C-alpha atoms as a PDB file:
ATOM      1  CA  MET A   1      38.414 -68.373-115.968  1.00  0.00           C
ATOM      2  CA  ASP A   2      35.365 -66.283-115.351  1.00  0.00           C
ATOM      3  CA  GLU A   3      34.300 -68.767-112.728  1.00  0.00           C
ATOM      4  CA  ASP A   4      37.632 -68.388-110.813  1.00  0.00           C
ATOM      5  CA  GLN A   5      37.377 -64.598-110.846  1.00  0.00           C
ATOM      6  CA  ASN A   6      33.807 -64.813-109.658  1.00  0.00           C
ATOM      7  CA  LYS A   7      34.893 -67.043-106.711  1.00  0.00           C
ATOM      8  CA  LYS A   8      37.673 -64.594-105.787  1.00  0.00           C
ATOM      9  CA  GLN A   9      35.260 -61.667-105.813  1.00  0.00           C
ATOM     10  CA  THR A  10      32.748 -63.577-103.693  1.00  0.00           C
ATOM     11  CA  THR A  11      35.486 -64.566-101.224  1.00  0.00           C
ATOM     12  CA  ARG A  12      36.791 -60.964-101.004  1.00  0.00           C
ATOM     13  CA  SER A  13      33.353 -59.428-100.518  1.00  0.00           C
ATOM     14  CA  GLY A  14      32.379 -62.217 -98.088  1.00  0.00           C
ATOM     15  CA  CYS A  15      35.530 -61.553 -96.060  1.00  0.00           C
ATOM     16  CA  LEU A  16      34.855 -57.848 -96.173  1.00  0.00           C
ATOM     17  CA  THR A  17      31.377 -58.352 -94.745  1.00  0.00           C
ATOM     18  CA  GLY A  18      32.501 -61.103 -92.372  1.00  0.00           C
ATOM     19  CA  CYS A  19      35.554 -59.188 -91.148  1.00  0.00           C
ATOM     20  CA  LEU A  20      33.685 -55.912 -90.730  1.00  0.00           C
ATOM     21  CA  PHE A  21      30.825 -57.351 -88.681  1.00  0.00           C
ATOM     22  CA  PRO A  22      32.922 -58.133 -85.539  1.00  0.00           C
ATOM     23  CA  LEU A  23      34.489 -54.648 -85.648  1.00  0.00           C
ATOM     24  CA  VAL A  24      31.100 -52.968 -85.947  1.00  0.00           C
ATOM     25  CA  ALA A  25      29.730 -55.168 -83.144  1.00  0.00           C
ATOM     26  CA  ILE A  26      32.651 -54.269 -80.838  1.00  0.00           C
ATOM     27  CA  PHE A  27      32.183 -50.576 -81.654  1.00  0.00           C
ATOM     28  CA  VAL A  28      28.424 -50.702 -80.957  1.00  0.00           C
ATOM     29  CA  ILE A  29      28.944 -52.594 -77.678  1.00  0.00           C
ATOM     30  CA  THR A  30      31.634 -50.122 -76.564  1.00  0.00           C
ATOM     31  CA  ILE A  31      29.389 -47.135 -77.339  1.00  0.00           C
ATOM     32  CA  GLY A  32      26.511 -48.833 -75.494  1.00  0.00           C
ATOM     33  CA  LEU A  33      28.676 -49.439 -72.425  1.00  0.00           C
ATOM     34  CA  PHE A  34      29.954 -45.864 -72.500  1.00  0.00           C
ATOM     35  CA  ILE A  35      26.399 -44.498 -72.676  1.00  0.00           C
ATOM     36  CA  SER A  36      25.240 -46.745 -69.805  1.00  0.00           C
ATOM     37  CA  PHE A  37      28.116 -45.529 -67.582  1.00  0.00           C
ATOM     38  CA  GLU A  38      27.315 -41.900 -68.459  1.00  0.00           C
ATOM     39  CA  ILE A  39      23.610 -42.406 -67.647  1.00  0.00           C
ATOM     40  CA  TYR A  40      24.526 -43.983 -64.302  1.00  0.00           C
ATOM     41  CA  LYS A  41      26.864 -41.068 -63.470  1.00  0.00           C
ATOM     42  CA  ALA A  42      24.154 -38.566 -64.430  1.00  0.00           C
ATOM     43  CA  PHE A  43      21.730 -40.384 -62.108  1.00  0.00           C
ATOM     44  CA  GLN A  44      24.256 -40.232 -59.242  1.00  0.00           C
ATOM     45  CA  ASP A  45      25.012 -36.546 -59.954  1.00  0.00           C
ATOM     46  CA  ALA A  46      21.272 -35.784 -59.784  1.00  0.00           C
ATOM     47  CA  LYS A  47      21.152 -37.599 -56.450  1.00  0.00           C
ATOM     48  CA  VAL A  48      24.088 -35.465 -55.210  1.00  0.00           C
ATOM     49  CA  ARG A  49      22.342 -32.256 -56.390  1.00  0.00           C
ATOM     50  CA  ASN A  50      19.147 -33.279 -54.598  1.00  0.00           C
ATOM     51  CA  LEU A  51      20.979 -33.989 -51.327  1.00  0.00           C
ATOM     52  CA  CYS A  52      23.017 -30.800 -51.696  1.00  0.00           C
ATOM     53  CA  ALA A  53      19.895 -28.673 -52.136  1.00  0.00           C
ATOM     54  CA  LYS A  54      18.742 -29.782 -48.678  1.00  0.00           C
ATOM     55  CA  ASP A  55      21.812 -28.907 -46.600  1.00  0.00           C
ATOM     56  CA  GLY A  56      24.889 -28.309 -48.782  1.00  0.00           C
ATOM     57  CA  GLY A  57      27.113 -25.270 -48.320  1.00  0.00           C
ATOM     58  CA  ILE A  58      28.593 -23.162 -45.558  1.00  0.00           C
ATOM     59  CA  ARG A  59      26.572 -21.677 -42.719  1.00  0.00           C
ATOM     60  CA  VAL A  60      28.095 -19.247 -40.217  1.00  0.00           C
ATOM     61  CA  TYR A  61      26.268 -18.596 -36.957  1.00  0.00           C
ATOM     62  CA  GLU A  62      28.863 -16.403 -35.270  1.00  0.00           C
ATOM     63  CA  GLN A  63      32.053 -14.766 -36.463  1.00  0.00           C
ATOM     64  CA  VAL A  64      35.122 -14.528 -34.250  1.00  0.00           C
ATOM     65  CA  VAL A  65      37.513 -11.588 -34.577  1.00  0.00           C
ATOM     66  CA  LEU A  66      41.125 -12.662 -34.016  1.00  0.00           C
ATOM     67  CA  PRO A  67      44.433 -10.765 -33.851  1.00  0.00           C
ATOM     68  CA  PRO A  68      46.589 -10.663 -37.018  1.00  0.00           C
ATOM     69  CA  GLU A  69      49.168 -13.104 -35.588  1.00  0.00           C
ATOM     70  CA  LYS A  70      46.543 -15.869 -35.865  1.00  0.00           C
ATOM     71  CA  PHE A  71      46.715 -15.608 -39.691  1.00  0.00           C
ATOM     72  CA  ASN A  72      49.404 -16.443 -42.244  1.00  0.00           C
ATOM     73  CA  GLN A  73      50.532 -14.184 -45.113  1.00  0.00           C
ATOM     74  CA  TRP A  74      47.602 -15.412 -47.270  1.00  0.00           C
ATOM     75  CA  GLY A  75      44.991 -14.553 -44.639  1.00  0.00           C
ATOM     76  CA  GLN A  76      44.359 -18.156 -43.609  1.00  0.00           C
ATOM     77  CA  VAL A  77      44.199 -19.198 -39.955  1.00  0.00           C
ATOM     78  CA  ASN A  78      47.644 -20.449 -38.966  1.00  0.00           C
ATOM     79  CA  PHE A  79      46.500 -22.602 -36.057  1.00  0.00           C
ATOM     80  CA  TYR A  80      44.720 -25.288 -38.109  1.00  0.00           C
ATOM     81  CA  GLU A  81      46.454 -28.667 -37.746  1.00  0.00           C
ATOM     82  CA  PRO A  82      44.353 -31.170 -39.768  1.00  0.00           C
ATOM     83  CA  THR A  83      45.997 -34.250 -38.237  1.00  0.00           C
ATOM     84  CA  GLN A  84      44.904 -33.369 -34.693  1.00  0.00           C
ATOM     85  CA  GLY A  85      41.295 -34.581 -34.940  1.00  0.00           C
ATOM     86  CA  GLU A  86      38.897 -32.604 -32.757  1.00  0.00           C
ATOM     87  CA  ASN A  87      41.849 -30.456 -31.591  1.00  0.00           C
ATOM     88  CA  SER A  88      42.672 -29.400 -35.173  1.00  0.00           C
ATOM     89  CA  LEU A  89      41.792 -25.792 -34.333  1.00  0.00           C
ATOM     90  CA  GLY A  90      43.659 -25.787 -31.026  1.00  0.00           C
ATOM     91  CA  ALA A  91      42.376 -25.760 -27.456  1.00  0.00           C
ATOM     92  CA  GLU A  92      39.827 -22.969 -27.976  1.00  0.00           C
ATOM     93  CA  TYR A  93      37.717 -24.557 -30.741  1.00  0.00           C
ATOM     94  CA  LEU A  94      36.207 -27.985 -31.229  1.00  0.00           C
ATOM     95  CA  TYR A  95      36.605 -29.291 -34.777  1.00  0.00           C
ATOM     96  CA  THR A  96      34.259 -32.065 -35.918  1.00  0.00           C
ATOM     97  CA  ARG A  97      34.536 -33.785 -39.286  1.00  0.00           C
ATOM     98  CA  LYS A  98      32.295 -36.661 -40.343  1.00  0.00           C
ATOM     99  CA  VAL A  99      32.148 -38.495 -43.652  1.00  0.00           C
ATOM    100  CA  GLU A 100      29.049 -40.503 -44.545  1.00  0.00           C
ATOM    101  CA  TYR A 101      29.149 -42.799 -47.584  1.00  0.00           C
ATOM    102  CA  TYR A 102      26.060 -43.387 -49.713  1.00  0.00           C
ATOM    103  CA  ALA A 103      28.107 -45.571 -52.088  1.00  0.00           C
ATOM    104  CA  GLN A 104      31.616 -46.645 -51.147  1.00  0.00           C
ATOM    105  CA  GLY A 105      33.667 -47.766 -54.105  1.00  0.00           C
ATOM    106  CA  ALA A 106      37.350 -47.299 -54.871  1.00  0.00           C
ATOM    107  CA  PRO A 107      37.356 -45.167 -58.055  1.00  0.00           C
ATOM    108  CA  ALA A 108      41.053 -44.337 -57.674  1.00  0.00           C
ATOM    109  CA  LEU A 109      41.820 -48.036 -58.182  1.00  0.00           C
ATOM    110  CA  ASN A 110      38.998 -48.759 -60.623  1.00  0.00           C
ATOM    111  CA  PRO A 111      37.268 -45.821 -62.373  1.00  0.00           C
ATOM    112  CA  GLY A 112      34.209 -48.035 -62.906  1.00  0.00           C
ATOM    113  CA  GLU A 113      33.505 -48.094 -59.169  1.00  0.00           C
ATOM    114  CA  ILE A 114      31.538 -45.201 -57.727  1.00  0.00           C
ATOM    115  CA  SER A 115      31.801 -43.357 -54.444  1.00  0.00           C
ATOM    116  CA  VAL A 116      29.174 -40.900 -53.191  1.00  0.00           C
ATOM    117  CA  LYS A 117      29.843 -39.219 -49.873  1.00  0.00           C
ATOM    118  CA  ARG A 118      28.730 -36.401 -47.607  1.00  0.00           C
ATOM    119  CA  THR A 119      31.431 -34.501 -45.736  1.00  0.00           C
ATOM    120  CA  PHE A 120      30.277 -32.531 -42.696  1.00  0.00           C
ATOM    121  CA  VAL A 121      32.534 -30.111 -40.793  1.00  0.00           C
ATOM    122  CA  GLN A 122      31.494 -28.217 -37.693  1.00  0.00           C
ATOM    123  CA  VAL A 123      33.328 -25.651 -35.530  1.00  0.00           C
ATOM    124  CA  ASN A 124      32.293 -24.979 -31.932  1.00  0.00           C
ATOM    125  CA  ARG A 125      33.800 -22.668 -29.329  1.00  0.00           C
ATOM    126  CA  ARG A 126      34.863 -24.911 -26.417  1.00  0.00           C
ATOM    127  CA  THR A 127      34.083 -22.479 -23.579  1.00  0.00           C
ATOM    128  CA  ASP A 128      30.323 -22.445 -24.195  1.00  0.00           C
ATOM    129  CA  MET A 129      30.034 -25.096 -26.980  1.00  0.00           C
ATOM    130  CA  LYS A 130      28.439 -22.432 -29.210  1.00  0.00           C
ATOM    131  CA  LEU A 131      28.169 -23.598 -32.818  1.00  0.00           C
ATOM    132  CA  LEU A 132      30.156 -21.061 -34.872  1.00  0.00           C
ATOM    133  CA  GLY A 133      29.720 -22.571 -38.319  1.00  0.00           C
ATOM    134  CA  GLU A 134      29.342 -25.706 -40.384  1.00  0.00           C
ATOM    135  CA  MET A 135      29.923 -26.961 -43.876  1.00  0.00           C
ATOM    136  CA  VAL A 136      28.348 -29.778 -45.887  1.00  0.00           C
ATOM    137  CA  LEU A 137      29.854 -30.983 -49.162  1.00  0.00           C
ATOM    138  CA  TYR A 138      28.671 -33.857 -51.360  1.00  0.00           C
ATOM    139  CA  ILE A 139      31.055 -35.647 -53.739  1.00  0.00           C
ATOM    140  CA  ARG A 140      30.515 -38.260 -56.444  1.00  0.00           C
ATOM    141  CA  ALA A 141      33.725 -39.861 -57.699  1.00  0.00           C
ATOM    142  CA  GLY A 142      34.098 -42.566 -60.333  1.00  0.00           C
ATOM    143  CA  GLY A 143      31.361 -44.434 -62.143  1.00  0.00           C
ATOM    144  CA  ASP A 144      33.337 -44.141 -65.366  1.00  0.00           C
ATOM    145  CA  MET A 145      33.887 -46.768 -68.009  1.00  0.00           C
ATOM    146  CA  PRO A 146      36.887 -48.837 -66.844  1.00  0.00           C
ATOM    147  CA  GLY A 147      40.132 -47.863 -68.465  1.00  0.00           C
ATOM    148  CA  PRO A 148      43.535 -46.295 -67.831  1.00  0.00           C
ATOM    149  CA  TRP A 149      42.120 -42.790 -67.193  1.00  0.00           C
ATOM    150  CA  LYS A 150      41.536 -40.973 -63.932  1.00  0.00           C
ATOM    151  CA  PRO A 151      38.020 -41.103 -62.483  1.00  0.00           C
ATOM    152  CA  THR A 152      35.731 -38.100 -62.914  1.00  0.00           C
ATOM    153  CA  ALA A 153      34.136 -36.340 -59.968  1.00  0.00           C
ATOM    154  CA  PHE A 154      31.225 -34.041 -59.237  1.00  0.00           C
ATOM    155  CA  THR A 155      30.902 -31.894 -56.120  1.00  0.00           C
ATOM    156  CA  CYS A 156      28.029 -29.876 -54.775  1.00  0.00           C
ATOM    157  CA  PRO A 157      28.410 -27.117 -53.846  1.00  0.00           C
ATOM    158  CA  ASP A 158      31.540 -26.293 -55.824  1.00  0.00           C
ATOM    159  CA  ILE A 159      34.608 -27.461 -53.904  1.00  0.00           C
ATOM    160  CA  GLN A 160      36.441 -24.239 -54.852  1.00  0.00           C
ATOM    161  CA  THR A 161      34.037 -22.229 -52.672  1.00  0.00           C
ATOM    162  CA  THR A 162      32.893 -24.858 -50.168  1.00  0.00           C
ATOM    163  CA  ASN A 163      35.863 -26.272 -48.303  1.00  0.00           C
ATOM    164  CA  GLU A 164      37.410 -26.075 -44.849  1.00  0.00           C
ATOM    165  CA  GLU A 165      39.533 -23.026 -45.695  1.00  0.00           C
ATOM    166  CA  ALA A 166      36.415 -21.160 -46.863  1.00  0.00           C
ATOM    167  CA  LEU A 167      34.574 -22.161 -43.677  1.00  0.00           C
ATOM    168  CA  PHE A 168      37.426 -20.936 -41.473  1.00  0.00           C
ATOM    169  CA  ALA A 169      37.695 -17.693 -43.481  1.00  0.00           C
ATOM    170  CA  ALA A 170      33.968 -17.089 -42.935  1.00  0.00           C
ATOM    171  CA  ILE A 171      34.167 -17.742 -39.166  1.00  0.00           C
ATOM    172  CA  PHE A 172      37.556 -16.306 -38.195  1.00  0.00           C
ATOM    173  CA  ILE A 173      38.009 -12.637 -39.094  1.00  0.00           C
ATOM    174  CA  ASN A 174      41.347 -10.825 -38.957  1.00  0.00           C
ATOM    175  CA  GLN A 175      40.859  -7.727 -36.779  1.00  0.00           C
ATOM    176  CA  ASN A 176      43.012  -5.723 -39.242  1.00  0.00           C
ATOM    177  CA  MET A 177      40.614  -6.647 -42.069  1.00  0.00           C
ATOM    178  CA  GLN A 178      37.449  -5.954 -40.111  1.00  0.00           C
ATOM    179  CA  ARG A 179      35.208  -3.230 -41.558  1.00  0.00           C
END
């Protein structure tokens, strides 16, 4: 009888060790994968910061004072039509937008894929082709461990302060708001 109990204990403890090992292995592999994705994203974010330090942000070379009817109730220019290409700012201003990809993945479809891009926007006055202002924004999207979640992103400079609306607000000044 003691021998049967001894076999049962050995079988239980053997199963415990044998059953636990695959779970621990899966956990360790998952953590390792997660860490490798995070290291890769950190590397790409450092690359974005480095590129951004060279030319990122908004630069205004000349401001244009416009009448109040050229602005909406929120103070934004009301003549911007983003679907019109180089005519997006009407007949008076040339709008140029270029996107350059350093890595072109599809993180919206697969968070594990990574996309790193540079967005460049420039505004010129058509009459003399004078450069009024420009904006450069770098974006890293994706590079996350695959799963059902949305991809992460990193922008430099901050997209809240460096975007087309901010560029237009820096170039086009409402004459009623002029100091």
